[in-house]
Amino acid sequence: MNYRLGIDVGGTNTDAVIIDEKLNVASQVKVPTTPDVYTGIMNAVRAVLDSGRADRRDITMAMLGTTQCTNAIVERKNLVPVGVLRIGAPATAGIQPMTDWPDELKKVVYRSTIVRGGYEYDGKELNPLDEDAVRAFFSDIKGHVDSVAISGVFSTLRNEQEARAGEIARQVLGEDVHISLSSEIGSMGLIERENATILNAALNKVAKAFTEGFEKSLKEEGLKNVSLYLSQNDGTLMSLEEARRYPVLTIACGPTNSIRGASYLSRISNAIIVDVGGTTTDVGALQNGFPRESGVAVTIGGVRTNFRMPDVGSIGLGGGSIVRVRDDGSVTVGPDSVGYRITEEALVFGGSTLTATDVAVRLGMAEIGDKSRVASLDEGIAVRAMDEIRNKVEEAIDSMKLSGSDVTVVLAGGGSVIIPASLRGAAEVIVPPHSGCANAIGSAISKVSGYYEKLVSYDEIERDQAIRLATNEAVLEALKAGARSDSVEVVELEDVPLQYYPGNMVRIRIKVAGDLA
């Protein structure tokens, strides 16, 4: 019997599950997330392994979804100095790199420059790459940075100049330098793609720490012949090596894991997923079994980026949300929360803080802690608090809809006990089994993906042929990532006409996914 170990780190709890080769849940645990994150991961791993449901020797795969990259950017911690090279002078000199970045985050960049080069929208050269300027820039920053970010105009169409600049970086800075190329990370749009590439480069130290720590800790627990994977934010997996190269792609993997897990547990492929944690509630759309991708630039820690991100909205509502009664009798719920201290501070656990979980217990919606401790809570206050919870969730669901029709809503997360069984705008509200650990389950059952994007002219190539070629490229990427060839299928396909370009120009985007080989 071969088993998988899935782990997901949230702001309040760290979940771990073991699932068998038929993808059935064999064991699950939920432990508090610790301030240093790593200890919480190990506590969860030990607890789920000690359940005795699976022999350590039978666990062949381990998947981790972590918030460490997100936290590093938001908290401005553990980011490394970056050298930023943009290929696009003189055309792009009017807007300097990091123009709209928060001042405290700009400090992560040691030095930046713009050199001659780049391409037109149709792939023609704007200018040849100024290799002397590239070499001079890297010579200037040598000894000051171990990570560089390289971006070029329309490099998603042609990346030869970016690749050549990367070769020069290795020649000058050494083989160990971490190189982030924008053509491998972002989409169309130079500034947002460049921003994502800089963040990716700055996360080099964080990525190295959590990948090496994950690998080492599992070996210490007796898991020595295990293939290790990291969750990425499109609901699929990547290898540890890929995670070290592209750590920015792990950002927002928590909500996507929950969306994938909720889809698997409910056997539903199209729905709105409401993932309720201890501090926040994430609401996302499920399309064909995967998270719907955001169609607009996404801001991370105050920085606009355009790499693939799930279309997820977050609200300050969770099981640990603090409930307050105002002088006029109105009730507020959140956005502040007791977080991972809920087992110490909530009323039902002997604490002194009224939380959303206490309200759910008082109204008979959940059996958690000691319900006698909330028996004296005024029912009117509890009802008004629940009305406030209901309104927040209904508004979040409406914001995710693409039409006015009622939709299926699937609840996930350990805090979902605070959500009412009926909601306006919901055709039905489903709470699948094991939903409390949907995020870890989503990590464990995830597939690997391939992604391809390109501008093509239908005046030069027929649509069917262009899509077939693009699909083949995406499939090759999935196979490189470890997908089983007979399981790869297209999960997203779009060709969008670009009216501001001459001729019949379109942007083709293909995503495929397959089971791990």
Protein backbone atom coordinates (compact mmCIF):
# COMPACT_ATOMS: atom_id res chain seq x y z
CA MET A 1 0.00 0.00 0.00
CA ASN A 2 1.33 3.43 -0.97
CA TYR A 3 0.30 6.45 1.06
CA ARG A 4 0.56 10.21 0.62
CA LEU A 5 1.20 12.75 3.37
CA GLY A 6 -0.40 16.17 2.88
CA ILE A 7 0.40 19.20 5.04
CA ASP A 8 -1.02 22.72 4.94
CA VAL A 9 0.01 25.63 7.14
CA GLY A 10 -2.65 28.20 7.99
CA GLY A 11 -2.58 31.29 10.14
CA THR A 12 -4.31 29.49 13.02
CA ASN A 13 -3.89 25.76 12.46
CA THR A 14 -1.53 23.40 10.67
CA ASP A 15 -3.29 20.38 9.19
CA ALA A 16 -1.84 17.03 8.16
CA VAL A 17 -3.53 14.07 6.48
CA ILE A 18 -2.54 10.64 5.26
CA ILE A 19 -4.43 9.30 2.25
CA ASP A 20 -4.17 5.88 0.66
CA GLU A 21 -3.53 4.98 -2.98
CA LYS A 22 -7.27 5.16 -3.69
CA LEU A 23 -7.20 8.75 -2.33
CA ASN A 24 -9.26 7.88 0.72
CA VAL A 25 -8.48 9.70 3.97
CA ALA A 26 -6.76 7.31 6.38
CA SER A 27 -5.88 9.79 9.12
CA GLN A 28 -6.08 13.52 9.81
CA VAL A 29 -4.89 15.89 12.53
CA LYS A 30 -5.14 19.60 13.27
CA VAL A 31 -2.60 21.31 15.53
CA PRO A 32 -2.02 24.99 16.34
CA THR A 33 0.31 26.87 14.02
CA THR A 34 3.35 27.98 15.98
CA PRO A 35 5.02 31.40 15.75
CA ASP A 36 8.04 29.85 14.01
CA VAL A 37 5.78 27.76 11.64
CA TYR A 38 8.35 24.94 11.43
CA THR A 39 7.53 23.58 14.90
CA GLY A 40 3.83 23.46 14.01
CA ILE A 41 4.60 21.51 10.83
CA MET A 42 6.62 18.96 12.74
CA ASN A 43 3.97 18.66 15.46
CA ALA A 44 1.37 17.91 12.78
CA VAL A 45 3.61 15.42 10.96
CA ARG A 46 4.44 13.52 14.16
CA ALA A 47 0.81 13.46 15.28
CA VAL A 48 -0.52 12.08 11.99
CA LEU A 49 2.29 9.52 11.73
CA ASP A 50 1.74 8.41 15.30
CA SER A 51 -1.90 7.64 14.52
CA GLY A 52 -0.69 4.25 13.33
CA ARG A 53 -2.87 4.23 10.22
CA ALA A 54 0.12 3.90 7.90
CA ASP A 55 3.62 2.48 8.19
CA ARG A 56 6.27 5.13 7.61
CA ARG A 57 7.86 2.88 4.98
CA ASP A 58 4.63 2.92 2.94
CA ILE A 59 4.51 6.71 2.58
CA THR A 60 5.92 7.47 -0.87
CA MET A 61 4.89 11.10 -1.41
CA ALA A 62 4.69 14.17 0.81
CA MET A 63 3.11 17.50 -0.16
CA LEU A 64 3.42 20.81 1.68
CA GLY A 65 1.39 23.96 1.32
CA THR A 66 3.01 26.84 3.16
CA THR A 67 2.39 30.54 3.77
CA GLN A 68 6.04 31.38 4.39
CA CYS A 69 6.61 33.23 1.12
CA THR A 70 3.45 35.27 1.57
CA ASN A 71 4.41 36.12 5.14
CA ALA A 72 7.96 37.10 4.14
CA ILE A 73 6.66 39.69 1.66
CA VAL A 74 3.86 41.03 3.84
CA GLU A 75 6.09 41.24 6.93
CA ARG A 76 9.20 42.32 4.96
CA LYS A 77 11.29 39.63 6.64
CA ASN A 78 14.07 37.31 5.42
CA LEU A 79 14.15 38.85 1.94
CA VAL A 80 17.57 38.89 0.25
CA PRO A 81 19.17 41.82 -1.64
CA VAL A 82 18.41 41.70 -5.36
CA GLY A 83 20.07 43.09 -8.46
CA VAL A 84 17.46 44.12 -11.03
CA LEU A 85 18.22 44.21 -14.76
CA ARG A 86 15.61 45.39 -17.24
CA ILE A 87 16.19 44.89 -20.97
CA GLY A 88 14.35 47.66 -22.78
CA ALA A 89 16.23 50.96 -23.10
CA PRO A 90 15.45 53.50 -24.33
CA ALA A 91 11.79 52.54 -24.87
CA THR A 92 10.98 51.75 -21.22
CA ALA A 93 13.17 54.31 -19.44
CA GLY A 94 10.18 56.53 -18.68
CA ILE A 95 9.05 54.18 -15.89
CA GLN A 96 11.83 52.98 -13.62
CA PRO A 97 11.73 49.59 -11.86
CA MET A 98 9.74 49.55 -8.59
CA THR A 99 8.14 52.94 -9.31
CA ASP A 100 4.99 52.22 -7.28
CA TRP A 101 6.49 49.96 -4.60
CA PRO A 102 6.10 50.71 -0.88
CA ASP A 103 9.24 52.49 0.35
CA GLU A 104 10.08 49.86 2.96
CA LEU A 105 9.97 47.10 0.32
CA LYS A 106 12.10 48.99 -2.21
CA LYS A 107 15.03 48.44 0.14
CA VAL A 108 15.20 44.80 -0.95
CA VAL A 109 16.70 45.93 -4.28
CA TYR A 110 20.43 46.61 -4.00
CA ARG A 111 20.70 48.21 -7.44
CA SER A 112 18.75 48.33 -10.70
CA THR A 113 19.46 49.36 -14.26
CA ILE A 114 17.90 49.42 -17.74
CA VAL A 115 19.99 48.32 -20.72
CA ARG A 116 19.35 48.45 -24.46
CA GLY A 117 17.40 45.57 -25.95
CA GLY A 118 13.92 44.07 -25.97
CA TYR A 119 11.34 43.03 -28.54
CA GLU A 120 8.27 44.36 -30.30
CA TYR A 121 4.82 42.80 -29.83
CA ASP A 122 5.41 40.65 -32.93
CA GLY A 123 8.79 39.34 -31.77
CA LYS A 124 10.97 41.69 -33.81
CA GLU A 125 13.98 43.13 -32.01
CA LEU A 126 13.64 46.64 -30.62
CA ASN A 127 17.41 46.71 -30.19
CA PRO A 128 20.17 44.11 -29.84
CA LEU A 129 21.06 43.26 -26.25
CA ASP A 130 23.83 45.53 -24.92
CA GLU A 131 25.99 42.75 -23.52
CA ASP A 132 28.75 45.12 -22.40
CA ALA A 133 26.27 47.05 -20.24
CA VAL A 134 24.88 43.80 -18.83
CA ARG A 135 28.35 42.56 -17.93
CA ALA A 136 29.28 45.91 -16.36
CA PHE A 137 26.14 45.93 -14.20
CA PHE A 138 26.74 42.45 -12.83
CA SER A 139 30.39 43.30 -12.18
CA ASP A 140 29.26 46.33 -10.13
CA ILE A 141 26.96 44.31 -7.89
CA LYS A 142 29.27 41.31 -7.47
CA GLY A 143 29.79 40.53 -3.80
CA HIS A 144 26.65 42.41 -2.79
CA VAL A 145 23.87 40.14 -4.09
CA ASP A 146 23.30 36.42 -4.54
CA SER A 147 20.04 36.84 -6.43
CA VAL A 148 19.16 38.73 -9.63
CA ALA A 149 15.92 39.50 -11.45
CA ILE A 150 16.01 39.89 -15.24
CA SER A 151 13.07 41.17 -17.27
CA GLY A 152 12.66 42.22 -20.88
CA VAL A 153 10.08 43.86 -23.11
CA PHE A 154 7.79 41.17 -24.60
CA SER A 155 10.08 38.44 -23.29
CA THR A 156 7.05 36.16 -23.00
CA LEU A 157 7.13 36.08 -26.82
CA ARG A 158 10.88 35.74 -27.18
CA ASN A 159 13.22 35.19 -24.26
CA GLU A 160 16.60 34.86 -25.99
CA GLN A 161 17.85 38.17 -24.61
CA GLU A 162 16.76 37.30 -21.05
CA ALA A 163 18.42 33.91 -21.33
CA ARG A 164 21.64 35.47 -22.62
CA ALA A 165 21.65 38.00 -19.76
CA GLY A 166 21.23 35.08 -17.38
CA GLU A 167 24.28 33.36 -18.91
CA ILE A 168 26.33 36.51 -18.39
CA ALA A 169 25.12 36.73 -14.79
CA ARG A 170 26.43 33.22 -14.10
CA GLN A 171 29.74 34.03 -15.76
CA VAL A 172 30.23 37.13 -13.64
CA LEU A 173 28.53 36.24 -10.34
CA GLY A 174 29.23 32.51 -10.27
CA GLU A 175 27.24 29.32 -10.77
CA ASP A 176 25.51 29.59 -7.40
CA VAL A 177 23.73 32.88 -8.15
CA HIS A 178 19.92 32.62 -8.12
CA ILE A 179 18.54 33.93 -11.42
CA SER A 180 14.88 34.81 -11.94
CA LEU A 181 13.77 35.35 -15.54
CA SER A 182 10.47 37.17 -16.01
CA SER A 183 9.57 35.05 -19.07
CA GLU A 184 9.34 32.02 -16.76
CA ILE A 185 7.21 33.70 -14.11
CA GLY A 186 4.78 36.36 -15.30
CA SER A 187 2.38 37.11 -18.12
CA MET A 188 1.99 39.99 -20.59
CA GLY A 189 2.66 43.41 -19.08
CA LEU A 190 6.24 44.45 -18.38
CA ILE A 191 5.90 46.28 -15.05
CA GLU A 192 3.73 43.71 -13.25
CA ARG A 193 5.81 40.84 -14.65
CA GLU A 194 9.01 42.55 -13.56
CA ASN A 195 7.56 43.08 -10.07
CA ALA A 196 6.74 39.39 -9.73
CA THR A 197 10.24 38.49 -10.87
CA ILE A 198 11.88 40.78 -8.30
CA LEU A 199 9.75 39.28 -5.52
CA ASN A 200 10.70 35.80 -6.70
CA ALA A 201 14.39 36.69 -6.53
CA ALA A 202 13.99 38.23 -3.07
CA LEU A 203 12.43 35.00 -1.75
CA ASN A 204 15.55 32.94 -2.49
CA LYS A 205 16.59 32.56 1.16
CA VAL A 206 13.05 31.78 2.34
CA ALA A 207 12.61 29.12 -0.36
CA LYS A 208 15.90 27.47 0.45
CA ALA A 209 15.07 27.38 4.15
CA PHE A 210 11.62 25.80 3.91
CA THR A 211 12.52 23.29 1.17
CA GLU A 212 15.65 22.08 2.94
CA GLY A 213 13.88 22.11 6.30
CA PHE A 214 10.95 20.11 4.93
CA GLU A 215 13.27 17.53 3.40
CA LYS A 216 15.44 17.22 6.50
CA SER A 217 12.57 17.01 8.97
CA LEU A 218 10.81 14.20 7.12
CA LYS A 219 14.03 12.20 7.02
CA GLU A 220 14.35 12.68 10.77
CA GLU A 221 10.85 11.22 11.12
CA GLY A 222 11.87 8.09 9.24
CA LEU A 223 10.49 9.10 5.84
CA LYS A 224 13.59 8.52 3.73
CA ASN A 225 12.29 7.31 0.36
CA VAL A 226 9.65 9.93 -0.20
CA SER A 227 9.11 12.18 -3.22
CA LEU A 228 8.58 15.72 -1.95
CA TYR A 229 6.38 18.37 -3.53
CA LEU A 230 5.25 21.92 -2.78
CA SER A 231 1.78 23.27 -3.50
CA GLN A 232 1.61 26.15 -5.95
CA ASN A 233 -1.11 28.71 -6.33
CA ASP A 234 -2.89 27.21 -9.34
CA GLY A 235 -3.95 24.14 -7.36
CA THR A 236 -1.18 21.87 -8.62
CA LEU A 237 2.21 20.67 -7.37
CA MET A 238 5.84 21.39 -8.12
CA SER A 239 9.05 19.67 -7.11
CA LEU A 240 11.36 21.01 -4.42
CA GLU A 241 13.80 22.09 -7.11
CA GLU A 242 11.07 24.09 -8.88
CA ALA A 243 10.03 25.61 -5.57
CA ARG A 244 13.57 26.84 -5.03
CA ARG A 245 13.57 28.42 -8.49
CA TYR A 246 10.04 29.85 -8.38
CA PRO A 247 9.07 30.40 -4.72
CA VAL A 248 6.69 33.21 -5.67
CA LEU A 249 4.38 30.57 -7.19
CA THR A 250 3.64 29.20 -3.71
CA ILE A 251 1.91 32.45 -2.70
CA ALA A 252 -1.82 31.92 -2.01
CA CYS A 253 -1.48 28.13 -2.22
CA GLY A 254 -3.51 27.76 0.99
CA PRO A 255 -6.84 28.89 -0.52
CA THR A 256 -6.21 26.88 -3.68
CA ASN A 257 -5.51 23.76 -1.63
CA SER A 258 -8.82 24.23 0.16
CA ILE A 259 -10.64 24.73 -3.14
CA ARG A 260 -9.11 21.57 -4.60
CA GLY A 261 -9.75 19.61 -1.39
CA ALA A 262 -13.36 20.77 -1.18
CA SER A 263 -13.91 19.79 -4.82
CA TYR A 264 -12.50 16.31 -4.21
CA LEU A 265 -14.43 15.72 -0.99
CA SER A 266 -17.76 16.96 -2.38
CA ARG A 267 -17.26 15.41 -5.85
CA ILE A 268 -18.32 18.78 -7.30
CA SER A 269 -16.38 20.50 -10.08
CA ASN A 270 -18.15 23.87 -10.25
CA ALA A 271 -19.12 25.79 -7.12
CA ILE A 272 -18.22 28.60 -4.75
CA ILE A 273 -15.89 27.41 -2.00
CA VAL A 274 -16.03 29.12 1.40
CA ASP A 275 -12.93 28.20 3.42
CA VAL A 276 -13.27 29.34 7.03
CA GLY A 277 -10.16 29.40 9.17
CA GLY A 278 -9.56 30.79 12.62
CA THR A 279 -8.80 34.33 11.45
CA THR A 280 -10.01 34.79 7.87
CA THR A 281 -12.46 33.31 5.40
CA ASP A 282 -11.33 32.77 1.81
CA VAL A 283 -13.98 32.62 -0.87
CA GLY A 284 -13.06 31.32 -4.31
CA ALA A 285 -14.65 29.94 -7.44
CA LEU A 286 -14.20 26.34 -8.51
CA GLN A 287 -14.19 25.75 -12.28
CA ASN A 288 -13.75 22.27 -13.70
CA GLY A 289 -12.20 21.12 -10.44
CA PHE A 290 -9.57 23.88 -10.25
CA PRO A 291 -9.55 27.41 -8.81
CA ARG A 292 -10.67 30.12 -11.21
CA GLU A 293 -7.69 32.26 -12.12
CA SER A 294 -7.78 35.99 -11.48
CA GLY A 295 -8.06 38.03 -14.66
CA VAL A 296 -6.58 41.20 -13.19
CA ALA A 297 -3.26 42.20 -11.68
CA VAL A 298 -2.96 41.01 -8.08
CA THR A 299 -1.39 43.10 -5.34
CA ILE A 300 0.93 41.27 -2.93
CA GLY A 301 2.30 43.20 0.01
CA GLY A 302 1.59 46.46 -1.85
CA VAL A 303 3.19 45.30 -5.13
CA ARG A 304 1.19 44.80 -8.35
CA THR A 305 1.99 41.49 -10.04
CA ASN A 306 0.58 39.51 -12.97
CA PHE A 307 1.68 35.93 -12.49
CA ARG A 308 -1.08 33.35 -12.25
CA MET A 309 -3.07 33.76 -9.05
CA PRO A 310 -6.40 32.31 -7.92
CA ASP A 311 -9.45 34.57 -7.94
CA VAL A 312 -9.93 34.51 -4.17
CA GLY A 313 -11.44 37.09 -1.86
CA SER A 314 -10.63 37.20 1.85
CA ILE A 315 -12.69 38.67 4.68
CA GLY A 316 -11.82 39.12 8.33
CA LEU A 317 -14.07 36.37 9.63
CA GLY A 318 -13.10 33.10 11.29
CA GLY A 319 -13.76 30.81 14.21
CA GLY A 320 -11.62 33.02 16.43
CA SER A 321 -13.14 36.34 15.32
CA ILE A 322 -13.83 38.57 18.30
CA VAL A 323 -17.47 39.49 18.89
CA ARG A 324 -18.24 42.89 20.45
CA VAL A 325 -21.48 44.48 21.59
CA ARG A 326 -21.70 48.24 21.08
CA ASP A 327 -23.47 50.67 23.36
CA ASP A 328 -26.42 50.88 20.96
CA GLY A 329 -26.87 47.10 21.10
CA SER A 330 -25.46 46.37 17.65
CA VAL A 331 -22.94 43.57 17.30
CA THR A 332 -19.67 43.38 15.35
CA VAL A 333 -17.75 40.25 14.41
CA GLY A 334 -14.03 40.63 13.61
CA PRO A 335 -11.97 41.50 11.71
CA ASP A 336 -9.56 40.91 14.62
CA SER A 337 -9.25 37.38 15.95
CA VAL A 338 -7.71 35.45 18.81
CA GLY A 339 -6.16 33.23 16.09
CA TYR A 340 -4.25 30.19 17.26
CA ARG A 341 -4.92 31.22 20.89
CA ILE A 342 -8.58 30.25 20.53
CA THR A 343 -8.15 27.21 22.81
CA GLU A 344 -7.00 29.60 25.54
CA GLU A 345 -9.15 32.68 25.03
CA ALA A 346 -12.58 31.57 23.72
CA LEU A 347 -15.35 31.29 26.33
CA VAL A 348 -16.06 27.61 25.59
CA PHE A 349 -12.43 26.81 26.41
CA GLY A 350 -12.45 28.72 29.70
CA GLY A 351 -11.20 32.03 28.33
CA SER A 352 -12.72 35.49 28.62
CA THR A 353 -13.11 36.57 24.97
CA LEU A 354 -16.41 36.19 23.11
CA THR A 355 -15.68 34.67 19.69
CA ALA A 356 -17.66 33.51 16.66
CA THR A 357 -17.16 29.92 17.81
CA ASP A 358 -18.83 30.73 21.14
CA VAL A 359 -21.80 32.15 19.22
CA ALA A 360 -22.11 28.97 17.13
CA VAL A 361 -22.00 26.79 20.27
CA ARG A 362 -24.59 28.98 22.02
CA LEU A 363 -26.99 28.63 19.07
CA GLY A 364 -26.56 24.85 18.96
CA MET A 365 -24.69 24.86 15.63
CA ALA A 366 -21.56 23.19 17.01
CA GLU A 367 -20.38 20.91 19.82
CA ILE A 368 -17.05 22.44 20.77
CA GLY A 369 -15.51 22.88 24.19
CA ASP A 370 -17.79 23.27 27.22
CA LYS A 371 -21.16 24.62 26.07
CA SER A 372 -22.18 25.35 29.66
CA ARG A 373 -19.72 28.26 29.62
CA VAL A 374 -21.85 30.11 27.05
CA ALA A 375 -25.25 29.17 28.46
CA SER A 376 -25.56 32.61 30.05
CA LEU A 377 -24.79 34.42 26.78
CA ASP A 378 -27.85 36.45 25.78
CA GLU A 379 -29.53 34.67 22.86
CA GLY A 380 -30.40 37.98 21.22
CA ILE A 381 -26.73 38.94 21.10
CA ALA A 382 -25.86 35.53 19.64
CA VAL A 383 -28.56 35.87 16.97
CA ARG A 384 -27.41 39.37 15.98
CA ALA A 385 -23.82 38.12 15.79
CA MET A 386 -24.89 35.24 13.55
CA ASP A 387 -26.80 37.67 11.32
CA GLU A 388 -23.59 39.68 10.96
CA ILE A 389 -21.65 36.49 10.06
CA ARG A 390 -24.33 35.52 7.53
CA ASN A 391 -24.27 38.96 5.87
CA LYS A 392 -20.49 38.95 5.52
CA VAL A 393 -20.42 35.52 3.92
CA GLU A 394 -23.33 36.26 1.58
CA GLU A 395 -21.65 39.45 0.35
CA ALA A 396 -18.38 37.55 -0.24
CA ILE A 397 -20.22 34.85 -2.20
CA ASP A 398 -21.98 37.47 -4.34
CA SER A 399 -18.64 39.08 -5.16
CA MET A 400 -17.43 35.77 -6.64
CA LYS A 401 -20.47 35.13 -8.82
CA LEU A 402 -20.43 35.71 -12.55
CA SER A 403 -24.24 35.91 -12.72
CA GLY A 404 -27.22 36.51 -10.48
CA SER A 405 -28.18 32.82 -10.35
CA ASP A 406 -28.00 30.84 -7.15
CA VAL A 407 -24.88 28.67 -6.90
CA THR A 408 -23.74 25.60 -5.02
CA VAL A 409 -21.67 26.56 -1.98
CA VAL A 410 -19.22 24.11 -0.40
CA LEU A 411 -17.91 24.85 3.10
CA ALA A 412 -14.38 23.93 4.11
CA GLY A 413 -12.00 24.66 6.95
CA GLY A 414 -12.10 24.07 10.67
CA GLY A 415 -14.04 27.29 11.26
CA SER A 416 -16.93 26.38 8.94
CA VAL A 417 -19.07 25.46 11.97
CA ILE A 418 -19.82 29.18 12.35
CA ILE A 419 -21.53 29.39 8.93
CA PRO A 420 -25.35 28.99 8.78
CA ALA A 421 -26.80 26.06 6.84
CA SER A 422 -28.77 28.35 4.52
CA LEU A 423 -27.45 31.41 2.71
CA ARG A 424 -29.06 33.86 0.31
CA GLY A 425 -27.71 33.28 -3.18
CA ALA A 426 -26.85 29.65 -2.48
CA ALA A 427 -28.85 26.90 -4.18
CA GLU A 428 -27.44 24.51 -1.57
CA VAL A 429 -24.79 24.57 1.14
CA ILE A 430 -22.68 21.42 1.35
CA VAL A 431 -20.36 20.39 4.17
CA PRO A 432 -18.45 17.33 2.93
CA PRO A 433 -16.79 14.80 5.27
CA HIS A 434 -13.26 15.72 6.42
CA SER A 435 -13.95 19.32 5.34
CA GLY A 436 -12.03 20.63 8.34
CA CYS A 437 -8.80 19.43 6.72
CA ALA A 438 -9.75 20.18 3.12
CA ASN A 439 -6.60 22.26 2.68
CA ALA A 440 -4.22 19.42 3.57
CA ILE A 441 -6.31 16.98 1.52
CA GLY A 442 -6.14 19.37 -1.44
CA SER A 443 -2.38 19.39 -1.11
CA ALA A 444 -2.17 15.59 -0.96
CA ILE A 445 -4.44 14.84 -3.95
CA SER A 446 -3.14 17.59 -6.21
CA LYS A 447 -1.94 16.97 -9.74
CA VAL A 448 0.98 18.47 -11.65
CA SER A 449 0.38 20.99 -14.41
CA GLY A 450 1.80 22.50 -17.55
CA TYR A 451 1.14 26.04 -18.69
CA TYR A 452 1.73 27.82 -21.99
CA GLU A 453 0.95 31.34 -23.14
CA LYS A 454 1.78 33.06 -26.43
CA LEU A 455 0.65 35.79 -28.82
CA VAL A 456 -0.15 34.43 -32.28
CA SER A 457 -1.68 35.84 -35.44
CA TYR A 458 -4.52 33.85 -36.96
CA ASP A 459 -3.61 35.55 -40.23
CA GLU A 460 -0.39 33.52 -40.18
CA ILE A 461 -1.58 30.24 -38.67
CA GLU A 462 -5.00 28.57 -38.46
CA ARG A 463 -6.68 28.61 -35.06
CA ASP A 464 -6.89 24.82 -34.68
CA GLN A 465 -3.24 24.39 -35.51
CA ALA A 466 -2.16 27.18 -33.15
CA ILE A 467 -4.15 25.70 -30.26
CA ARG A 468 -2.81 22.21 -31.01
CA LEU A 469 0.79 23.43 -30.95
CA ALA A 470 0.19 25.41 -27.75
CA THR A 471 -1.43 22.38 -26.11
CA ASN A 472 1.56 20.22 -27.03
CA GLU A 473 3.89 22.74 -25.38
CA ALA A 474 1.78 22.75 -22.20
CA VAL A 475 1.72 18.94 -22.13
CA LEU A 476 5.52 18.85 -22.41
CA GLU A 477 5.74 21.16 -19.39
CA ALA A 478 3.45 18.85 -17.41
CA LEU A 479 5.52 15.79 -18.32
CA LYS A 480 8.69 17.60 -17.24
CA ALA A 481 7.00 18.31 -13.91
CA GLY A 482 6.34 14.60 -13.37
CA ALA A 483 2.88 14.00 -14.81
CA ARG A 484 1.86 10.58 -16.08
CA SER A 485 1.45 10.92 -19.85
CA ASP A 486 -1.86 9.04 -20.10
CA SER A 487 -3.51 11.24 -17.46
CA VAL A 488 -2.79 14.72 -18.83
CA GLU A 489 -5.83 16.70 -19.90
CA VAL A 490 -6.66 20.31 -20.74
CA VAL A 491 -8.27 22.13 -17.80
CA GLU A 492 -8.18 25.70 -19.15
CA LEU A 493 -8.07 27.05 -22.69
CA GLU A 494 -8.64 30.56 -23.92
CA ASP A 495 -7.73 32.57 -26.98
CA VAL A 496 -8.45 36.24 -26.47
CA PRO A 497 -8.50 38.67 -29.45
CA LEU A 498 -6.20 41.66 -28.91
CA GLN A 499 -7.96 44.53 -30.62
CA TYR A 500 -5.16 47.01 -29.97
CA TYR A 501 -2.76 44.96 -32.14
CA PRO A 502 -2.85 45.04 -35.94
CA GLY A 503 -4.22 42.03 -37.78
CA ASN A 504 -5.97 39.03 -36.25
CA MET A 505 -3.73 38.82 -33.15
CA VAL A 506 -4.82 36.72 -30.15
CA ARG A 507 -3.37 35.61 -26.84
CA ILE A 508 -3.52 31.84 -26.38
CA ARG A 509 -3.36 30.46 -22.85
CA ILE A 510 -3.43 26.72 -22.16
CA LYS A 511 -3.27 24.86 -18.88
CA VAL A 512 -3.12 21.07 -18.61
CA ALA A 513 -2.93 18.83 -15.54
CA GLY A 514 -2.15 15.19 -14.89
CA ASP A 515 -1.63 12.69 -12.11
CA LEU A 516 1.82 12.16 -10.62
CA ALA A 517 3.73 9.41 -12.37
